[in-house]
Amino acid sequence: MELNRCTVQQPTTAIYRLHMFLHSLIMLALVYYRLANLFYFENVLTLQAFAWGLITLGEICFIVKWFFGQGTRWRPVVREVFLDNITCQDSQLPALDVMVFTANPKKEPIVDVMNTVISAMALDYPTDKLAVYLADDGGCPLTLYAMEEACSFAKLWLPFCRKYGIKTRCPKAFFSPLGEDDRILKNDDFVAEMKEIKLKYEEFQQNVNLAGESGKIKGDVVPDRASFIKVINDRKMENKKSADDITKMPLLVYVSRERRFNSRHHFKGGSANALLRVSGIMSNAPYLLVLDCDFFCHDPTSARKAMCFHLDPKLSPSLAYVQFPQVFYNVSKSDIYDVKIRQAYKTIWHGMDGIQGPVLSGTGYFLKRKALYTSPGLKDEYLISPEKHFGSSRKFIASLEENNGYVKQEKLITEDIIEEAKTLSTCAYEDGTRWGEEIGYTYNCHLESTFTGYLLHCKGWTSTYLYPERPSFLGCAPVDMQGFSSQLTKWVAALTQAGLSHLNPITYGMKSRIKTIQCLCYAYLMYFSLYSWGMVLHASVPSISLLLGIQVYPEVYDPWFAVYVLAFISTILENMSESIPEGGSVKTWWMEYRALMMMGVSAIWLGGVKAIVEKIIGTQGEKLYLSDKAIDKEKLKKYEKGKFDFQGIGILAVPLITFSALNLVGFMVGANQVILTMKFEALLGQLLVSSFFVFVVVTVVIDVLSFLKDS
């Protein structure tokens, strides 16, 4: 019996390929037109030749970016799983370690972090095969206290969920509109227990909040500290219970690695590698579930769904990870910032899944531990010189040799193991080893998960993508311009830095075991800032040319003008084909397109510039922006009404206002020239480009100016 099924999307694939062929002909024609006419200039030092060259460069940026993107449209697939076909008993399922990451209690509300931890503990998976670790990279005492309180609440919450078959196992979500279906009246006992559970949850929240507000327990980050590890719930207490006891709890561990001012800590990548080592000597599960602290488990069967791939003998030998989409519970109907990033999770990831697999997306993925240590098909070659690769810990090296892949239940977590775990999480442990290079999560990029996934594909590993009807994980999206644009700038800067490194998909990827079309997909992501350079040139050159009376587009009656019209229509149709069929609408497409154009001349462009400047002066890797997960109620109200919030937008407002004003003035001057001369043939192309940019973003710019004036 099949555990999963992969289906090529038809007729979507055929339509995509036909469009590729036709659009490529149009693009080749445009390149020929631009380059052929460029050489007709008698003097290439004139303003007209310079403007022509710049607009040609802008079009080439669009074309190269489009070419890379076709890899994601070559063979899109969808997958489904069959849970009932898992024939092995629960005792035979592979063990699973859940790794939850948090770093700053000011930006990541502690109660929300605990909700994620509790939802992971409540997964529908054998408790003796489940371990949950919280990596607190802030070393905050209040987080440790909250975790102990969360464990006490979980002793009531987990049995309640198991007894009544609750699907929404994040308590915060259960008591919100997200849990309405689970709160439907079952019987009087259920209602009574639910009321009691709600009181206990509110008590848990109050205890944590009061402890922080009163100053009784410090709620600040401790930047310079020793490693600290505490087992909150040990398995030895669970061994006394019967196998079918609904009160059984998984292993729960708090981990705060050592941080020193004079040592590089490598951000989340360093935290993840420290947790890999700590969990390796405590539970050593062969599979890992990685979660950001704001992404809670929304489907308790997600682990079993992932095992439908990992247990498939056809896929498993080369399968590194199963990726689930990032879905957000607080997205408004208008989604003015395009925080859903539908193009990625509805199009690109499905397209990559049809080749070698989707990108490792930072959260919501089930990863084979061994994949971080070696290549597929190589049998324990990393054990030839283990100390050189993994460090001097004998206990950790022994964990690599575990035949069963995980630490057996009778191996209790002793004080010796905890002390060894503290050593494994010190700053100096990685010195002289291959951690962050050949072993574990890479340190070559701030987007440690995405770049690690790319390197896994380069080694020959594959991945799969599952987009279930019920979201397996739900997260909280930024609801203001500053939050989303800062996050986007960080992503683009990190991806561009990766694309400029020696490990880029063009020179390194093509020589590795990664498939050629998969390389195009990664090139599309790492060089996505090409779009912003094309946007900036198209937002400036045509309007400036209008002011100077320079022609950069063919005349209306020239056959080449029709080619430009075809190119525009083809591009819009391609864009719409990725939005509307996937549950969207024309309005959805418009919001996404507007957001892309705005970000193209602001956040994306600045991210690309930042990466290039840091590459030149050699400062990349020094700082990292942490997204604020705390939602302001006033900002949320604005967002839900479809109103932009520009508080804190700072420098990002400069290019938006500048380019909008430039296009508006250019359009007015050009229109005036047409009216005076009654000749529109030469300038119509530039007028259309300028007017389109103004039409798309002018309402947003008016909001920006209004906000700046009021503030």
Foldseek 3Di string as FASTA:
>chain_A
DAFKDKFWDPPQLVVLVVLVVVLVVLLVVVLCVLVVVLVVDPDCPDPLSVLSVLLSLLSVLVVLLVVLLSLLSNTFMAMDGDLVPPPDDLVPDFAEEEEEEDEWCQQPPLLLLLLQQLLQFLFPHQQQRYAYEYEYQQPFQLSVVLNLLSVVLSLLLQLLCVVQVQFASRVVCCPDPNNPVVPPDDDPVNVVSVVVSVVSSVVSVCVSVCCDVVVVGDRGGDQADAKDKDWSDWCVVQVVDDSPDSSHTHTYMYIHFGHHPPFAQLPVQNSQQLVLLLQLLAWQTQKYAYAYSQKHFRGSCLVSSFVSQCVPPVANLQAFKEAEAEAADLQAPLNLQPQSVLCQRVGSQSSLQRAFGGFQDRHRMMGGQCLQAAFRPDDPPCLPPVCQAPNDDPSSSVSVVDPSRTDDSVPTCDPVSSVSSSVSRYRCRCPNHCRLHSGGFHSQFSSRRRVSRLVSLLSPHGYHYHYDPGGRIYGHTDLAPQQVLQVLLRQLLRLLLCCPDPCQLPNNVVPGNHDPSSSSSSCSRSSVLSNLSSLLSLLASLLVCLVVVHFNAAFPPDVVVVSVVVSVVSVLVVQVVSAPVVVHDPSNSLSVVLSCSLSSNFSNNNSNVVNVVCVVVVDPPPDHDDRRRDDDPVSSVCSNVVHHDCVPVPPRLVRLLVSLVSLVVSLVSNVVVCVVVVDCGRSVVSNVSSVVSNVSCVVVNVSVVVVVVVD
